[in-house]
Amino acid sequence: MLDLRPIIHKMMVFCQETGVGLPVLGIFNIDDGSILIEFSFSNLLRVGFNIETDQQNSGWYVVSNEILGGITACGYI
């Protein structure tokens, strides 16, 4: 299983150093061994990362509601 502690630690340090506050954070273990990390901004915007066991398949996504224009974007990390 992938150890996310270094990634989460770097994110926390970044937020502390820059004063950026994090939105609601969800971390989910998926049955196939992958991990989903998702930030939710008051149901307006979701930003997520899927960390796969084959790291070449890991990616990111952004989804917003209609108020923010219904944005959808995704890609590989």
C-alpha atoms as a PDB file:
ATOM      1  CA  MET A   1       0.000   0.000   0.000  1.00  0.00           C
ATOM      2  CA  LEU A   2       1.176   3.499  -0.812  1.00  0.00           C
ATOM      3  CA  ASP A   3       2.346   5.544   2.189  1.00  0.00           C
ATOM      4  CA  LEU A   4       0.625   8.945   1.974  1.00  0.00           C
ATOM      5  CA  ARG A   5       2.166  10.383   5.121  1.00  0.00           C
ATOM      6  CA  PRO A   6       4.997  12.238   3.300  1.00  0.00           C
ATOM      7  CA  ILE A   7       2.544  13.753   0.801  1.00  0.00           C
ATOM      8  CA  ILE A   8       0.115  14.897   3.492  1.00  0.00           C
ATOM      9  CA  HIS A   9       2.981  16.241   5.616  1.00  0.00           C
ATOM     10  CA  LYS A  10       4.266  18.350   2.690  1.00  0.00           C
ATOM     11  CA  MET A  11       0.762  19.728   2.114  1.00  0.00           C
ATOM     12  CA  MET A  12       0.403  20.642   5.795  1.00  0.00           C
ATOM     13  CA  VAL A  13       3.816  22.344   5.872  1.00  0.00           C
ATOM     14  CA  PHE A  14       2.949  24.310   2.724  1.00  0.00           C
ATOM     15  CA  CYS A  15      -0.322  25.505   4.258  1.00  0.00           C
ATOM     16  CA  GLN A  16       1.375  26.519   7.501  1.00  0.00           C
ATOM     17  CA  GLU A  17       4.186  28.385   5.714  1.00  0.00           C
ATOM     18  CA  THR A  18       1.897  30.231   3.304  1.00  0.00           C
ATOM     19  CA  GLY A  19      -1.072  30.787   5.609  1.00  0.00           C
ATOM     20  CA  VAL A  20      -3.367  29.017   3.150  1.00  0.00           C
ATOM     21  CA  GLY A  21      -6.277  27.305   4.849  1.00  0.00           C
ATOM     22  CA  LEU A  22      -7.371  23.908   3.621  1.00  0.00           C
ATOM     23  CA  PRO A  23     -10.985  23.141   2.799  1.00  0.00           C
ATOM     24  CA  VAL A  24     -12.733  19.973   3.956  1.00  0.00           C
ATOM     25  CA  LEU A  25     -10.449  17.037   3.217  1.00  0.00           C
ATOM     26  CA  GLY A  26     -11.577  13.513   2.422  1.00  0.00           C
ATOM     27  CA  ILE A  27      -9.224  10.557   2.043  1.00  0.00           C
ATOM     28  CA  PHE A  28     -10.618   7.272   0.786  1.00  0.00           C
ATOM     29  CA  ASN A  29      -9.050   3.824   0.351  1.00  0.00           C
ATOM     30  CA  ILE A  30     -10.472   2.201  -2.775  1.00  0.00           C
ATOM     31  CA  ASP A  31     -10.845  -1.588  -3.107  1.00  0.00           C
ATOM     32  CA  ASP A  32      -8.290  -1.783  -5.937  1.00  0.00           C
ATOM     33  CA  GLY A  33      -5.524  -0.398  -3.681  1.00  0.00           C
ATOM     34  CA  SER A  34      -5.724   3.175  -4.959  1.00  0.00           C
ATOM     35  CA  ILE A  35      -6.333   6.215  -2.766  1.00  0.00           C
ATOM     36  CA  LEU A  36      -8.562   9.204  -3.451  1.00  0.00           C
ATOM     37  CA  ILE A  37      -7.756  12.562  -1.833  1.00  0.00           C
ATOM     38  CA  GLU A  38     -10.453  15.199  -2.276  1.00  0.00           C
ATOM     39  CA  PHE A  39     -10.800  18.804  -1.129  1.00  0.00           C
ATOM     40  CA  SER A  40     -14.343  20.185  -1.029  1.00  0.00           C
ATOM     41  CA  PHE A  41     -14.933  23.930  -1.070  1.00  0.00           C
ATOM     42  CA  SER A  42     -18.480  24.459   0.314  1.00  0.00           C
ATOM     43  CA  ASN A  43     -20.103  22.357  -2.438  1.00  0.00           C
ATOM     44  CA  LEU A  44     -18.905  24.932  -4.983  1.00  0.00           C
ATOM     45  CA  LEU A  45     -15.715  23.213  -6.064  1.00  0.00           C
ATOM     46  CA  ARG A  46     -13.995  19.850  -5.631  1.00  0.00           C
ATOM     47  CA  VAL A  47     -10.320  19.231  -6.282  1.00  0.00           C
ATOM     48  CA  GLY A  48      -9.063  15.689  -6.081  1.00  0.00           C
ATOM     49  CA  PHE A  49      -6.139  13.394  -6.675  1.00  0.00           C
ATOM     50  CA  ASN A  50      -6.272   9.674  -7.342  1.00  0.00           C
ATOM     51  CA  ILE A  51      -3.077   7.901  -6.315  1.00  0.00           C
ATOM     52  CA  GLU A  52      -2.863   4.568  -8.121  1.00  0.00           C
ATOM     53  CA  THR A  53      -0.693   1.537  -7.379  1.00  0.00           C
ATOM     54  CA  ASP A  54       0.777   2.065 -10.869  1.00  0.00           C
ATOM     55  CA  GLN A  55       1.848   5.685 -10.398  1.00  0.00           C
ATOM     56  CA  GLN A  56       1.675   6.378 -14.153  1.00  0.00           C
ATOM     57  CA  ASN A  57      -2.110   6.130 -13.834  1.00  0.00           C
ATOM     58  CA  SER A  58      -2.376   8.663 -10.973  1.00  0.00           C
ATOM     59  CA  GLY A  59      -4.261  11.829 -11.761  1.00  0.00           C
ATOM     60  CA  TRP A  60      -6.073  14.951 -10.653  1.00  0.00           C
ATOM     61  CA  TYR A  61      -9.498  16.482 -11.251  1.00  0.00           C
ATOM     62  CA  VAL A  62     -11.412  19.716 -10.690  1.00  0.00           C
ATOM     63  CA  VAL A  63     -15.212  19.915 -10.746  1.00  0.00           C
ATOM     64  CA  SER A  64     -17.330  22.978  -9.975  1.00  0.00           C
ATOM     65  CA  ASN A  65     -21.043  23.608  -9.769  1.00  0.00           C
ATOM     66  CA  GLU A  66     -23.037  25.868 -12.098  1.00  0.00           C
ATOM     67  CA  ILE A  67     -22.357  28.966  -9.964  1.00  0.00           C
ATOM     68  CA  LEU A  68     -18.664  28.684 -10.895  1.00  0.00           C
ATOM     69  CA  GLY A  69     -19.397  27.802 -14.506  1.00  0.00           C
ATOM     70  CA  GLY A  70     -19.672  24.018 -14.326  1.00  0.00           C
ATOM     71  CA  ILE A  71     -15.938  23.483 -14.755  1.00  0.00           C
ATOM     72  CA  THR A  72     -14.620  19.972 -15.268  1.00  0.00           C
ATOM     73  CA  ALA A  73     -10.950  19.228 -15.852  1.00  0.00           C
ATOM     74  CA  CYS A  74      -8.668  16.275 -15.246  1.00  0.00           C
ATOM     75  CA  GLY A  75      -5.266  14.922 -16.144  1.00  0.00           C
ATOM     76  CA  TYR A  76      -2.360  12.713 -15.169  1.00  0.00           C
ATOM     77  CA  ILE A  77       0.105  13.680 -12.454  1.00  0.00           C
END
